[in-house]
N, C-alpha and C. Protein backbone atom coordinates (compact mmCIF):
# COMPACT_ATOMS: atom_id res chain seq x y z
N MET A 1 53.92 87.70 -86.24
CA MET A 1 53.98 89.11 -86.56
C MET A 1 54.21 89.86 -85.26
N GLY A 2 55.21 90.67 -85.23
CA GLY A 2 55.56 91.42 -84.04
C GLY A 2 54.66 92.61 -83.81
N CYS A 3 54.83 93.23 -82.67
CA CYS A 3 54.01 94.38 -82.28
C CYS A 3 54.18 95.54 -83.26
N LEU A 4 55.42 95.81 -83.65
CA LEU A 4 55.68 96.90 -84.57
C LEU A 4 55.04 96.63 -85.94
N GLU A 5 55.14 95.38 -86.42
CA GLU A 5 54.54 95.04 -87.70
C GLU A 5 53.02 95.20 -87.66
N ARG A 6 52.39 94.80 -86.55
CA ARG A 6 50.93 94.95 -86.42
C ARG A 6 50.55 96.42 -86.41
N ALA A 7 51.34 97.24 -85.73
CA ALA A 7 51.05 98.67 -85.68
C ALA A 7 51.18 99.30 -87.07
N LEU A 8 52.25 98.93 -87.79
CA LEU A 8 52.42 99.45 -89.13
C LEU A 8 51.31 98.99 -90.06
N THR A 9 50.93 97.73 -89.95
CA THR A 9 49.83 97.22 -90.76
C THR A 9 48.55 97.98 -90.47
N GLY A 10 48.29 98.24 -89.20
CA GLY A 10 47.10 99.01 -88.82
C GLY A 10 47.13 100.41 -89.40
N CYS A 11 48.29 101.05 -89.38
CA CYS A 11 48.42 102.39 -89.96
C CYS A 11 48.16 102.37 -91.46
N PHE A 12 48.71 101.35 -92.16
CA PHE A 12 48.51 101.25 -93.61
C PHE A 12 47.05 101.00 -93.94
N VAL A 13 46.39 100.16 -93.16
CA VAL A 13 44.96 99.89 -93.39
C VAL A 13 44.16 101.17 -93.20
N LEU A 14 44.44 101.89 -92.13
CA LEU A 14 43.73 103.14 -91.87
C LEU A 14 43.98 104.14 -92.99
N LEU A 15 45.21 104.24 -93.44
CA LEU A 15 45.54 105.15 -94.54
C LEU A 15 44.82 104.73 -95.82
N ALA A 16 44.78 103.43 -96.08
CA ALA A 16 44.11 102.93 -97.29
C ALA A 16 42.62 103.19 -97.26
N VAL A 17 42.02 103.12 -96.08
CA VAL A 17 40.58 103.38 -95.96
C VAL A 17 40.29 104.86 -96.14
N MET A 18 41.14 105.72 -95.61
CA MET A 18 40.89 107.16 -95.66
C MET A 18 41.27 107.77 -97.01
N THR A 19 42.29 107.27 -97.67
CA THR A 19 42.79 107.88 -98.90
C THR A 19 41.78 107.86 -100.05
N PRO A 20 41.13 106.73 -100.36
CA PRO A 20 40.22 106.75 -101.52
C PRO A 20 39.09 107.77 -101.38
N ALA A 21 38.52 107.91 -100.19
CA ALA A 21 37.42 108.86 -100.02
C ALA A 21 37.90 110.29 -100.24
N ALA A 22 39.04 110.63 -99.68
CA ALA A 22 39.56 111.98 -99.85
C ALA A 22 39.99 112.21 -101.29
N ALA A 23 40.62 111.23 -101.89
CA ALA A 23 41.07 111.39 -103.28
C ALA A 23 39.87 111.52 -104.22
N ALA A 24 38.84 110.73 -104.01
CA ALA A 24 37.66 110.80 -104.87
C ALA A 24 36.98 112.15 -104.73
N ALA A 25 36.92 112.67 -103.51
CA ALA A 25 36.28 113.97 -103.30
C ALA A 25 37.07 115.08 -103.99
N GLN A 26 38.38 114.98 -104.00
CA GLN A 26 39.20 116.01 -104.60
C GLN A 26 39.31 115.87 -106.11
N SER A 27 39.09 114.66 -106.64
CA SER A 27 39.43 114.44 -108.03
C SER A 27 38.25 114.24 -108.96
N ALA A 28 37.03 114.30 -108.50
CA ALA A 28 35.90 114.05 -109.38
C ALA A 28 35.89 115.05 -110.53
N SER A 29 36.07 116.33 -110.24
CA SER A 29 36.08 117.32 -111.32
C SER A 29 37.36 117.21 -112.14
N ASP A 30 38.46 116.79 -111.52
CA ASP A 30 39.71 116.58 -112.26
C ASP A 30 39.52 115.49 -113.31
N GLY A 31 38.77 114.45 -112.96
CA GLY A 31 38.52 113.36 -113.89
C GLY A 31 37.73 113.82 -115.09
N VAL A 32 36.74 114.65 -114.88
CA VAL A 32 35.96 115.20 -115.99
C VAL A 32 36.85 116.06 -116.88
N ARG A 33 37.69 116.90 -116.26
CA ARG A 33 38.60 117.74 -117.04
C ARG A 33 39.61 116.89 -117.81
N ALA A 34 40.12 115.84 -117.17
CA ALA A 34 41.10 114.97 -117.85
C ALA A 34 40.46 114.27 -119.04
N ALA A 35 39.23 113.79 -118.88
CA ALA A 35 38.54 113.13 -119.99
C ALA A 35 38.33 114.10 -121.14
N ALA A 36 37.98 115.35 -120.82
CA ALA A 36 37.77 116.36 -121.86
C ALA A 36 39.09 116.69 -122.56
N ARG A 37 40.19 116.77 -121.78
CA ARG A 37 41.50 117.11 -122.33
C ARG A 37 42.04 116.02 -123.25
N THR A 38 41.85 114.78 -122.87
CA THR A 38 42.48 113.68 -123.60
C THR A 38 41.52 112.96 -124.52
N GLY A 39 40.22 113.21 -124.40
CA GLY A 39 39.25 112.49 -125.21
C GLY A 39 39.13 111.04 -124.77
N CYS A 40 39.47 110.76 -123.55
CA CYS A 40 39.49 109.40 -123.05
C CYS A 40 38.70 109.35 -121.75
N ASP A 41 37.84 108.36 -121.61
CA ASP A 41 37.09 108.23 -120.36
C ASP A 41 37.42 106.89 -119.70
N TYR A 42 36.81 106.66 -118.55
CA TYR A 42 37.13 105.48 -117.76
C TYR A 42 36.92 104.19 -118.55
N SER A 43 35.81 104.07 -119.25
CA SER A 43 35.52 102.81 -119.94
C SER A 43 36.51 102.52 -121.06
N ALA A 44 37.11 103.55 -121.64
CA ALA A 44 38.05 103.34 -122.73
C ALA A 44 39.51 103.28 -122.28
N CYS A 45 39.86 104.01 -121.22
CA CYS A 45 41.29 104.16 -120.90
C CYS A 45 41.71 103.70 -119.51
N ALA A 46 40.77 103.36 -118.65
CA ALA A 46 41.17 102.89 -117.32
C ALA A 46 41.92 101.56 -117.46
N LEU A 47 42.83 101.33 -116.55
CA LEU A 47 43.62 100.10 -116.56
C LEU A 47 43.04 99.09 -115.59
N SER A 48 43.29 97.84 -115.86
CA SER A 48 42.98 96.77 -114.91
C SER A 48 44.06 95.71 -115.05
N ILE A 49 43.98 94.71 -114.20
CA ILE A 49 45.00 93.66 -114.18
C ILE A 49 44.33 92.34 -114.54
N ALA A 50 44.97 91.59 -115.43
CA ALA A 50 44.46 90.29 -115.84
C ALA A 50 45.57 89.25 -115.66
N PRO A 51 45.26 88.14 -115.01
CA PRO A 51 46.29 87.11 -114.84
C PRO A 51 46.63 86.44 -116.17
N THR A 52 47.91 86.16 -116.36
CA THR A 52 48.39 85.42 -117.53
C THR A 52 49.28 84.29 -117.03
N TRP A 53 49.68 83.40 -117.92
CA TRP A 53 50.49 82.26 -117.50
C TRP A 53 51.84 82.70 -116.96
N ASN A 54 52.32 83.86 -117.39
CA ASN A 54 53.67 84.28 -116.99
C ASN A 54 53.69 85.58 -116.19
N GLY A 55 52.58 85.97 -115.58
CA GLY A 55 52.57 87.18 -114.77
C GLY A 55 51.21 87.82 -114.72
N LEU A 56 51.22 89.13 -114.56
CA LEU A 56 50.00 89.91 -114.55
C LEU A 56 50.04 90.90 -115.70
N ALA A 57 49.04 90.83 -116.56
CA ALA A 57 48.95 91.76 -117.68
C ALA A 57 48.22 93.01 -117.21
N VAL A 58 48.71 94.16 -117.65
CA VAL A 58 48.01 95.42 -117.45
C VAL A 58 47.24 95.66 -118.75
N VAL A 59 45.91 95.73 -118.62
CA VAL A 59 45.06 95.88 -119.80
C VAL A 59 44.29 97.19 -119.71
N ARG A 60 43.97 97.73 -120.89
CA ARG A 60 43.31 99.04 -120.97
C ARG A 60 41.89 98.89 -121.48
N GLY A 61 41.00 99.61 -120.80
CA GLY A 61 39.63 99.77 -121.27
C GLY A 61 38.79 98.51 -121.27
N ARG A 62 37.59 98.69 -121.77
CA ARG A 62 36.61 97.60 -121.82
C ARG A 62 37.09 96.47 -122.72
N GLY A 63 37.82 96.81 -123.78
CA GLY A 63 38.29 95.79 -124.72
C GLY A 63 39.43 94.94 -124.19
N GLY A 64 40.12 95.40 -123.18
CA GLY A 64 41.19 94.62 -122.57
C GLY A 64 42.47 94.56 -123.38
N GLU A 65 42.80 95.64 -124.09
CA GLU A 65 44.05 95.69 -124.84
C GLU A 65 45.23 95.63 -123.87
N ARG A 66 46.13 94.68 -124.10
CA ARG A 66 47.30 94.53 -123.23
C ARG A 66 48.29 95.65 -123.50
N VAL A 67 48.65 96.38 -122.44
CA VAL A 67 49.60 97.48 -122.59
C VAL A 67 50.92 97.20 -121.87
N ALA A 68 50.95 96.22 -120.98
CA ALA A 68 52.18 95.87 -120.27
C ALA A 68 51.96 94.51 -119.60
N ASN A 69 53.05 93.91 -119.15
CA ASN A 69 52.96 92.64 -118.42
C ASN A 69 54.05 92.61 -117.36
N LEU A 70 53.64 92.38 -116.12
CA LEU A 70 54.60 92.23 -115.03
C LEU A 70 54.92 90.74 -114.93
N ASN A 71 55.93 90.31 -115.65
CA ASN A 71 56.27 88.89 -115.77
C ASN A 71 56.79 88.30 -114.47
N PHE A 72 56.55 87.00 -114.31
CA PHE A 72 57.07 86.28 -113.15
C PHE A 72 58.56 85.97 -113.30
N PHE A 73 59.00 85.70 -114.52
CA PHE A 73 60.35 85.18 -114.73
C PHE A 73 61.36 86.23 -115.16
N TRP A 74 60.96 87.18 -116.00
CA TRP A 74 61.88 88.22 -116.50
C TRP A 74 61.09 89.52 -116.60
N PRO A 75 60.88 90.22 -115.46
CA PRO A 75 60.03 91.40 -115.47
C PRO A 75 60.66 92.60 -116.16
N GLY A 76 59.83 93.28 -116.92
CA GLY A 76 60.26 94.51 -117.57
C GLY A 76 59.51 95.69 -116.97
N ASP A 77 59.86 96.88 -117.42
CA ASP A 77 59.27 98.10 -116.88
C ASP A 77 57.80 98.23 -117.31
N VAL A 78 56.91 98.43 -116.35
CA VAL A 78 55.49 98.64 -116.65
C VAL A 78 55.07 100.07 -116.35
N SER A 79 56.02 100.90 -115.93
CA SER A 79 55.66 102.26 -115.51
C SER A 79 55.19 103.13 -116.67
N ARG A 80 55.65 102.85 -117.88
CA ARG A 80 55.21 103.64 -119.04
C ARG A 80 53.71 103.52 -119.26
N ALA A 81 53.14 102.36 -118.95
CA ALA A 81 51.70 102.16 -119.12
C ALA A 81 50.90 103.03 -118.17
N MET A 82 51.50 103.45 -117.06
CA MET A 82 50.79 104.25 -116.06
C MET A 82 50.70 105.71 -116.46
N VAL A 83 51.51 106.16 -117.39
CA VAL A 83 51.52 107.57 -117.76
C VAL A 83 50.26 107.94 -118.51
N GLY A 84 49.87 107.14 -119.48
CA GLY A 84 48.68 107.46 -120.25
C GLY A 84 48.93 108.66 -121.16
N SER A 85 47.84 109.32 -121.56
CA SER A 85 47.96 110.41 -122.52
C SER A 85 47.96 111.79 -121.86
N ASP A 86 47.80 111.84 -120.52
CA ASP A 86 47.74 113.13 -119.83
C ASP A 86 48.88 113.22 -118.83
N ALA A 87 49.91 113.98 -119.18
CA ALA A 87 51.10 114.09 -118.33
C ALA A 87 50.84 114.91 -117.07
N ALA A 88 49.68 115.58 -116.98
CA ALA A 88 49.36 116.37 -115.79
C ALA A 88 48.26 115.72 -114.97
N ALA A 89 48.02 114.44 -115.17
CA ALA A 89 46.90 113.75 -114.51
C ALA A 89 47.12 113.61 -113.02
N ALA A 90 46.01 113.62 -112.29
CA ALA A 90 46.05 113.40 -110.84
C ALA A 90 46.59 112.00 -110.56
N GLY A 91 47.52 111.90 -109.64
CA GLY A 91 48.06 110.62 -109.22
C GLY A 91 49.12 110.03 -110.13
N LEU A 92 49.52 110.76 -111.16
CA LEU A 92 50.48 110.23 -112.12
C LEU A 92 51.80 109.85 -111.46
N ASP A 93 52.34 110.74 -110.63
CA ASP A 93 53.62 110.46 -109.98
C ASP A 93 53.53 109.23 -109.07
N SER A 94 52.42 109.08 -108.38
CA SER A 94 52.24 107.92 -107.50
C SER A 94 52.07 106.64 -108.31
N ALA A 95 51.36 106.73 -109.43
CA ALA A 95 51.16 105.56 -110.29
C ALA A 95 52.50 105.06 -110.82
N VAL A 96 53.32 105.97 -111.30
CA VAL A 96 54.62 105.60 -111.85
C VAL A 96 55.54 105.06 -110.74
N ALA A 97 55.52 105.69 -109.58
CA ALA A 97 56.37 105.24 -108.47
C ALA A 97 55.97 103.83 -108.02
N GLU A 98 54.68 103.56 -107.90
CA GLU A 98 54.22 102.23 -107.50
C GLU A 98 54.54 101.19 -108.57
N ALA A 99 54.42 101.57 -109.83
CA ALA A 99 54.76 100.64 -110.91
C ALA A 99 56.24 100.29 -110.87
N ARG A 100 57.08 101.27 -110.64
CA ARG A 100 58.52 101.00 -110.55
C ARG A 100 58.84 100.14 -109.32
N ARG A 101 58.12 100.41 -108.24
CA ARG A 101 58.28 99.59 -107.03
C ARG A 101 57.88 98.15 -107.32
N ALA A 102 56.78 97.97 -108.05
CA ALA A 102 56.32 96.62 -108.41
C ALA A 102 57.38 95.88 -109.21
N VAL A 103 57.99 96.57 -110.16
CA VAL A 103 59.02 95.93 -110.99
C VAL A 103 60.24 95.56 -110.13
N GLY A 104 60.65 96.45 -109.24
CA GLY A 104 61.79 96.15 -108.38
C GLY A 104 61.55 94.94 -107.48
N ILE A 105 60.37 94.89 -106.90
CA ILE A 105 60.03 93.74 -106.04
C ILE A 105 59.93 92.47 -106.87
N ARG A 106 59.29 92.59 -108.05
CA ARG A 106 59.13 91.41 -108.91
C ARG A 106 60.49 90.90 -109.37
N ARG A 107 61.46 91.78 -109.60
CA ARG A 107 62.79 91.32 -110.01
C ARG A 107 63.43 90.47 -108.93
N THR A 108 63.25 90.86 -107.67
CA THR A 108 63.76 90.03 -106.57
C THR A 108 63.07 88.68 -106.56
N GLY A 109 61.73 88.72 -106.65
CA GLY A 109 60.97 87.46 -106.69
C GLY A 109 61.34 86.60 -107.88
N ALA A 110 61.55 87.24 -109.03
CA ALA A 110 61.90 86.50 -110.24
C ALA A 110 63.27 85.84 -110.11
N ALA A 111 64.21 86.55 -109.51
CA ALA A 111 65.55 85.97 -109.32
C ALA A 111 65.46 84.73 -108.44
N LEU A 112 64.67 84.82 -107.38
CA LEU A 112 64.50 83.66 -106.50
C LEU A 112 63.76 82.53 -107.20
N THR A 113 62.73 82.86 -107.98
CA THR A 113 61.98 81.85 -108.72
C THR A 113 62.88 81.17 -109.75
N ASP A 114 63.60 81.97 -110.52
CA ASP A 114 64.48 81.42 -111.55
C ASP A 114 65.57 80.55 -110.93
N ALA A 115 66.15 81.01 -109.83
CA ALA A 115 67.19 80.21 -109.16
C ALA A 115 66.61 78.89 -108.66
N GLY A 116 65.40 78.94 -108.11
CA GLY A 116 64.77 77.72 -107.63
C GLY A 116 64.52 76.72 -108.74
N ILE A 117 64.06 77.20 -109.88
CA ILE A 117 63.81 76.31 -111.02
C ILE A 117 65.12 75.71 -111.54
N VAL A 118 66.13 76.54 -111.66
CA VAL A 118 67.43 76.05 -112.15
C VAL A 118 68.01 75.01 -111.19
N LEU A 119 67.95 75.28 -109.89
CA LEU A 119 68.49 74.33 -108.91
C LEU A 119 67.72 73.01 -108.92
N ALA A 120 66.40 73.09 -109.00
CA ALA A 120 65.59 71.86 -109.04
C ALA A 120 65.88 71.06 -110.31
N ALA A 121 65.99 71.74 -111.44
CA ALA A 121 66.30 71.05 -112.69
C ALA A 121 67.70 70.43 -112.64
N MET A 122 68.65 71.17 -112.07
CA MET A 122 70.00 70.65 -111.95
C MET A 122 70.03 69.39 -111.08
N ALA A 123 69.31 69.41 -109.98
CA ALA A 123 69.25 68.23 -109.11
C ALA A 123 68.64 67.04 -109.84
N ALA A 124 67.58 67.30 -110.62
CA ALA A 124 66.93 66.22 -111.36
C ALA A 124 67.86 65.63 -112.42
N VAL A 125 68.56 66.49 -113.16
CA VAL A 125 69.48 66.01 -114.20
C VAL A 125 70.62 65.21 -113.58
N ARG A 126 71.16 65.70 -112.47
CA ARG A 126 72.25 64.98 -111.80
C ARG A 126 71.78 63.61 -111.30
N ALA A 127 70.58 63.58 -110.73
CA ALA A 127 70.06 62.31 -110.21
C ALA A 127 69.79 61.33 -111.36
N LEU A 128 69.24 61.82 -112.45
CA LEU A 128 68.99 60.94 -113.60
C LEU A 128 70.30 60.44 -114.19
N GLY A 129 71.29 61.30 -114.26
CA GLY A 129 72.60 60.92 -114.79
C GLY A 129 73.29 59.86 -113.94
N ALA A 130 73.12 59.97 -112.64
CA ALA A 130 73.76 59.02 -111.73
C ALA A 130 72.92 57.75 -111.56
N GLY A 131 71.66 57.80 -111.95
CA GLY A 131 70.79 56.64 -111.78
C GLY A 131 70.26 56.49 -110.37
N LYS A 132 70.57 57.43 -109.52
CA LYS A 132 70.05 57.41 -108.15
C LYS A 132 70.12 58.83 -107.58
N ILE A 133 69.37 59.02 -106.51
CA ILE A 133 69.38 60.34 -105.85
C ILE A 133 70.43 60.31 -104.75
N ARG A 134 71.46 61.11 -104.96
CA ARG A 134 72.51 61.20 -103.96
C ARG A 134 72.17 62.29 -102.96
N ARG A 135 72.89 62.29 -101.87
CA ARG A 135 72.66 63.30 -100.83
C ARG A 135 72.84 64.71 -101.39
N SER A 136 73.87 64.91 -102.21
CA SER A 136 74.13 66.23 -102.78
C SER A 136 72.98 66.67 -103.70
N ASP A 137 72.36 65.71 -104.40
CA ASP A 137 71.21 66.05 -105.24
C ASP A 137 70.04 66.51 -104.38
N GLY A 138 69.86 65.87 -103.26
CA GLY A 138 68.80 66.26 -102.33
C GLY A 138 69.03 67.65 -101.76
N VAL A 139 70.29 67.96 -101.46
CA VAL A 139 70.63 69.29 -100.94
C VAL A 139 70.35 70.36 -102.00
N ILE A 140 70.74 70.08 -103.24
CA ILE A 140 70.50 71.04 -104.32
C ILE A 140 69.00 71.22 -104.54
N ALA A 141 68.26 70.11 -104.56
CA ALA A 141 66.80 70.19 -104.73
C ALA A 141 66.16 70.95 -103.58
N GLY A 142 66.65 70.73 -102.38
CA GLY A 142 66.13 71.46 -101.21
C GLY A 142 66.39 72.95 -101.30
N ALA A 143 67.58 73.30 -101.78
CA ALA A 143 67.89 74.72 -101.96
C ALA A 143 66.98 75.33 -103.02
N GLY A 144 66.70 74.58 -104.07
CA GLY A 144 65.78 75.06 -105.10
C GLY A 144 64.38 75.26 -104.56
N ALA A 145 63.91 74.32 -103.77
CA ALA A 145 62.57 74.44 -103.17
C ALA A 145 62.51 75.62 -102.21
N ALA A 146 63.57 75.81 -101.45
CA ALA A 146 63.61 76.95 -100.51
C ALA A 146 63.59 78.27 -101.28
N SER A 147 64.32 78.33 -102.37
CA SER A 147 64.35 79.55 -103.18
C SER A 147 62.96 79.84 -103.76
N LEU A 148 62.29 78.81 -104.24
CA LEU A 148 60.93 78.99 -104.76
C LEU A 148 59.99 79.47 -103.66
N ALA A 149 60.10 78.87 -102.48
CA ALA A 149 59.24 79.27 -101.37
C ALA A 149 59.51 80.71 -100.95
N LEU A 150 60.77 81.12 -100.95
CA LEU A 150 61.11 82.50 -100.59
C LEU A 150 60.61 83.51 -101.62
N SER A 151 60.44 83.07 -102.86
CA SER A 151 60.00 83.99 -103.91
C SER A 151 58.52 84.36 -103.78
N VAL A 152 57.73 83.53 -103.16
CA VAL A 152 56.27 83.75 -103.11
C VAL A 152 55.89 85.08 -102.47
N PRO A 153 56.40 85.43 -101.28
CA PRO A 153 56.02 86.73 -100.72
C PRO A 153 56.42 87.92 -101.58
N PHE A 154 57.54 87.80 -102.27
CA PHE A 154 57.97 88.88 -103.16
C PHE A 154 57.02 89.01 -104.36
N GLN A 155 56.61 87.86 -104.90
CA GLN A 155 55.68 87.89 -106.03
C GLN A 155 54.36 88.55 -105.62
N PHE A 156 53.84 88.18 -104.45
CA PHE A 156 52.58 88.77 -103.98
C PHE A 156 52.73 90.26 -103.67
N ALA A 157 53.86 90.65 -103.11
CA ALA A 157 54.09 92.07 -102.82
C ALA A 157 54.15 92.88 -104.13
N ALA A 158 54.76 92.31 -105.16
CA ALA A 158 54.80 92.99 -106.46
C ALA A 158 53.39 93.13 -107.03
N ASP A 159 52.57 92.10 -106.87
CA ASP A 159 51.18 92.17 -107.33
C ASP A 159 50.44 93.31 -106.63
N GLY A 160 50.66 93.45 -105.33
CA GLY A 160 50.02 94.52 -104.57
C GLY A 160 50.48 95.90 -105.04
N ALA A 161 51.76 96.06 -105.29
CA ALA A 161 52.27 97.35 -105.76
C ALA A 161 51.72 97.67 -107.15
N LEU A 162 51.59 96.67 -108.01
CA LEU A 162 51.01 96.90 -109.33
C LEU A 162 49.54 97.30 -109.20
N SER A 163 48.84 96.67 -108.29
CA SER A 163 47.44 97.02 -108.06
C SER A 163 47.30 98.47 -107.61
N ARG A 164 48.19 98.91 -106.72
CA ARG A 164 48.16 100.31 -106.29
C ARG A 164 48.51 101.26 -107.43
N ALA A 165 49.42 100.86 -108.29
CA ALA A 165 49.77 101.70 -109.45
C ALA A 165 48.57 101.88 -110.36
N VAL A 166 47.85 100.80 -110.59
CA VAL A 166 46.65 100.87 -111.44
C VAL A 166 45.60 101.76 -110.77
N TRP A 167 45.44 101.64 -109.46
CA TRP A 167 44.48 102.49 -108.74
C TRP A 167 44.84 103.96 -108.92
N TRP A 168 46.10 104.29 -108.74
CA TRP A 168 46.54 105.68 -108.90
C TRP A 168 46.33 106.15 -110.33
N HIS A 169 46.61 105.29 -111.30
CA HIS A 169 46.38 105.66 -112.70
C HIS A 169 44.90 105.98 -112.93
N ASN A 170 44.03 105.14 -112.43
CA ASN A 170 42.60 105.29 -112.69
C ASN A 170 41.98 106.46 -111.93
N LEU A 171 42.69 107.00 -110.97
CA LEU A 171 42.19 108.15 -110.21
C LEU A 171 41.88 109.33 -111.13
N ARG A 172 42.60 109.45 -112.20
CA ARG A 172 42.42 110.58 -113.12
C ARG A 172 41.04 110.63 -113.76
N TYR A 173 40.34 109.50 -113.78
CA TYR A 173 39.04 109.48 -114.44
C TYR A 173 37.90 109.82 -113.50
N GLY A 174 38.17 109.86 -112.20
CA GLY A 174 37.19 110.31 -111.20
C GLY A 174 35.83 109.68 -111.39
N ARG A 175 34.84 110.36 -110.86
CA ARG A 175 33.45 109.88 -110.97
C ARG A 175 32.66 110.80 -111.84
């Protein structure tokens, strides 16, 4: 990690530490007003993330109703789940922006993951068809493995963006 990357990471950490305290102080009464306006409180309408076999599910409330899924292989839009029932809620624009960012990053990761799986499968089928592993099969399998390895940081970055989207969504419920 270079000097610039460490400095940027330090700035983001500092911003992350300072933002929740300031946001909570400004939004506690907003959360009470939002709950009164929508008839929804934190225990019923706050979002959380639950791991699934094919991605991260966005679930609502204590019951865990699935409202969206950020898939690993074919990601769809999860930003609609961030809107909720109050179009004037605190943090709404940030929640939607982070959700869209998560989908964009996940699409890159998914393309790399899907390409890696296809290349690995193609190498295996070619090797089985030939009855031996040829050099070209090894090159194809290596490209597939490299594609899968490259997808991992994108998948984790998408998870982080989705987590921030959920945090921004839940800000509306305050304390």
